[in-house]
């Protein structure tokens, strides 16, 4: 809350959180989930995430003629750092 108004996290941070959740569950983040979050230009947000050092791969799969897109968080530079 800031001045009585609720502020939503930036879209990039929201997307990172959802990628982390999906990875913890052993799955990719499905495109419809991203759309439901109301993230505009998800491709641009993914580029921002990758530019920050995250490794995210996009998997495309055709199931009964319907294309499914999911994003897998492979490396998280904020949480996957090697221990000394």
Protein backbone atom coordinates (compact mmCIF):
# COMPACT_ATOMS: atom_id res chain seq x y z
CA UNK A 1 0.00 0.00 0.00
CA UNK A 2 1.27 3.41 -0.91
CA UNK A 3 -0.87 6.41 -0.09
CA UNK A 4 -3.86 4.10 0.28
CA UNK A 5 -3.47 2.61 -3.19
CA UNK A 6 -2.52 -1.01 -3.83
CA UNK A 7 0.37 -1.29 -6.25
CA UNK A 8 0.84 -4.32 -8.41
CA UNK A 9 4.42 -5.60 -8.79
CA UNK A 10 6.09 -4.71 -12.12
CA UNK A 11 5.18 -7.18 -14.87
CA UNK A 12 8.72 -8.47 -15.16
CA UNK A 13 8.86 -9.28 -11.44
CA UNK A 14 5.44 -10.92 -11.57
CA UNK A 15 6.57 -13.07 -14.48
CA UNK A 16 9.77 -14.07 -12.66
CA UNK A 17 7.71 -15.10 -9.63
CA UNK A 18 5.42 -17.26 -11.80
CA UNK A 19 8.39 -18.84 -13.61
CA UNK A 20 9.88 -19.72 -10.23
CA UNK A 21 6.59 -21.20 -9.03
CA UNK A 22 6.24 -23.31 -12.16
CA UNK A 23 9.84 -24.54 -11.85
CA UNK A 24 9.28 -25.49 -8.21
CA UNK A 25 6.31 -27.56 -9.41
CA UNK A 26 8.43 -29.21 -12.12
CA UNK A 27 6.57 -27.69 -15.05
CA UNK A 28 6.79 -24.94 -17.60
CA UNK A 29 4.75 -21.75 -17.36
CA UNK A 30 1.96 -22.02 -19.92
CA UNK A 31 1.19 -19.08 -22.20
CA UNK A 32 -2.50 -18.93 -21.10
CA UNK A 33 -1.29 -18.41 -17.52
CA UNK A 34 0.80 -15.45 -18.67
CA UNK A 35 -2.17 -14.01 -20.55
CA UNK A 36 -4.38 -14.35 -17.45
CA UNK A 37 -1.84 -12.33 -15.49
CA UNK A 38 -2.49 -9.44 -17.84
CA UNK A 39 1.14 -9.18 -18.89
CA UNK A 40 1.44 -6.99 -21.95
CA UNK A 41 4.01 -7.93 -24.58
CA UNK A 42 5.21 -11.04 -22.78
CA UNK A 43 7.97 -11.47 -25.38
CA UNK A 44 9.47 -8.12 -24.36
CA UNK A 45 9.20 -9.08 -20.68
CA UNK A 46 11.01 -12.37 -21.42
CA UNK A 47 13.80 -10.43 -23.12
CA UNK A 48 14.13 -8.21 -20.05
CA UNK A 49 14.32 -11.32 -17.88
CA UNK A 50 16.95 -12.92 -20.10
CA UNK A 51 18.95 -9.67 -20.18
CA UNK A 52 19.13 -9.90 -16.38
CA UNK A 53 20.89 -13.27 -16.65
CA UNK A 54 17.95 -15.66 -16.37
CA UNK A 55 17.93 -18.61 -18.75
CA UNK A 56 14.41 -19.26 -20.01
CA UNK A 57 13.58 -21.58 -22.87
CA UNK A 58 10.35 -21.61 -24.84
CA UNK A 59 8.86 -24.97 -25.73
CA UNK A 60 6.29 -25.27 -28.49
CA UNK A 61 4.23 -28.43 -28.77
CA UNK A 62 1.41 -29.36 -31.11
CA UNK A 63 -1.29 -31.41 -29.42
CA UNK A 64 -4.10 -32.57 -31.69
CA UNK A 65 -3.37 -29.68 -34.05
CA UNK A 66 -3.33 -27.04 -31.29
CA UNK A 67 -0.05 -25.26 -30.61
CA UNK A 68 0.89 -25.05 -26.91
CA UNK A 69 3.60 -22.70 -25.68
CA UNK A 70 5.32 -22.97 -22.32
CA UNK A 71 8.33 -21.30 -20.76
CA UNK A 72 10.84 -23.16 -18.61
CA UNK A 73 13.09 -21.39 -16.12
CA UNK A 74 16.43 -23.17 -16.50
CA UNK A 75 18.72 -20.84 -14.57
CA UNK A 76 17.87 -18.19 -11.96
CA UNK A 77 20.92 -15.95 -11.30
CA UNK A 78 19.41 -14.71 -8.06
CA UNK A 79 18.82 -18.17 -6.58
CA UNK A 80 21.03 -20.65 -8.44
CA UNK A 81 24.40 -19.17 -7.60
CA UNK A 82 27.01 -21.72 -6.73
CA UNK A 83 27.71 -22.11 -3.04
CA UNK A 84 31.35 -21.34 -1.95
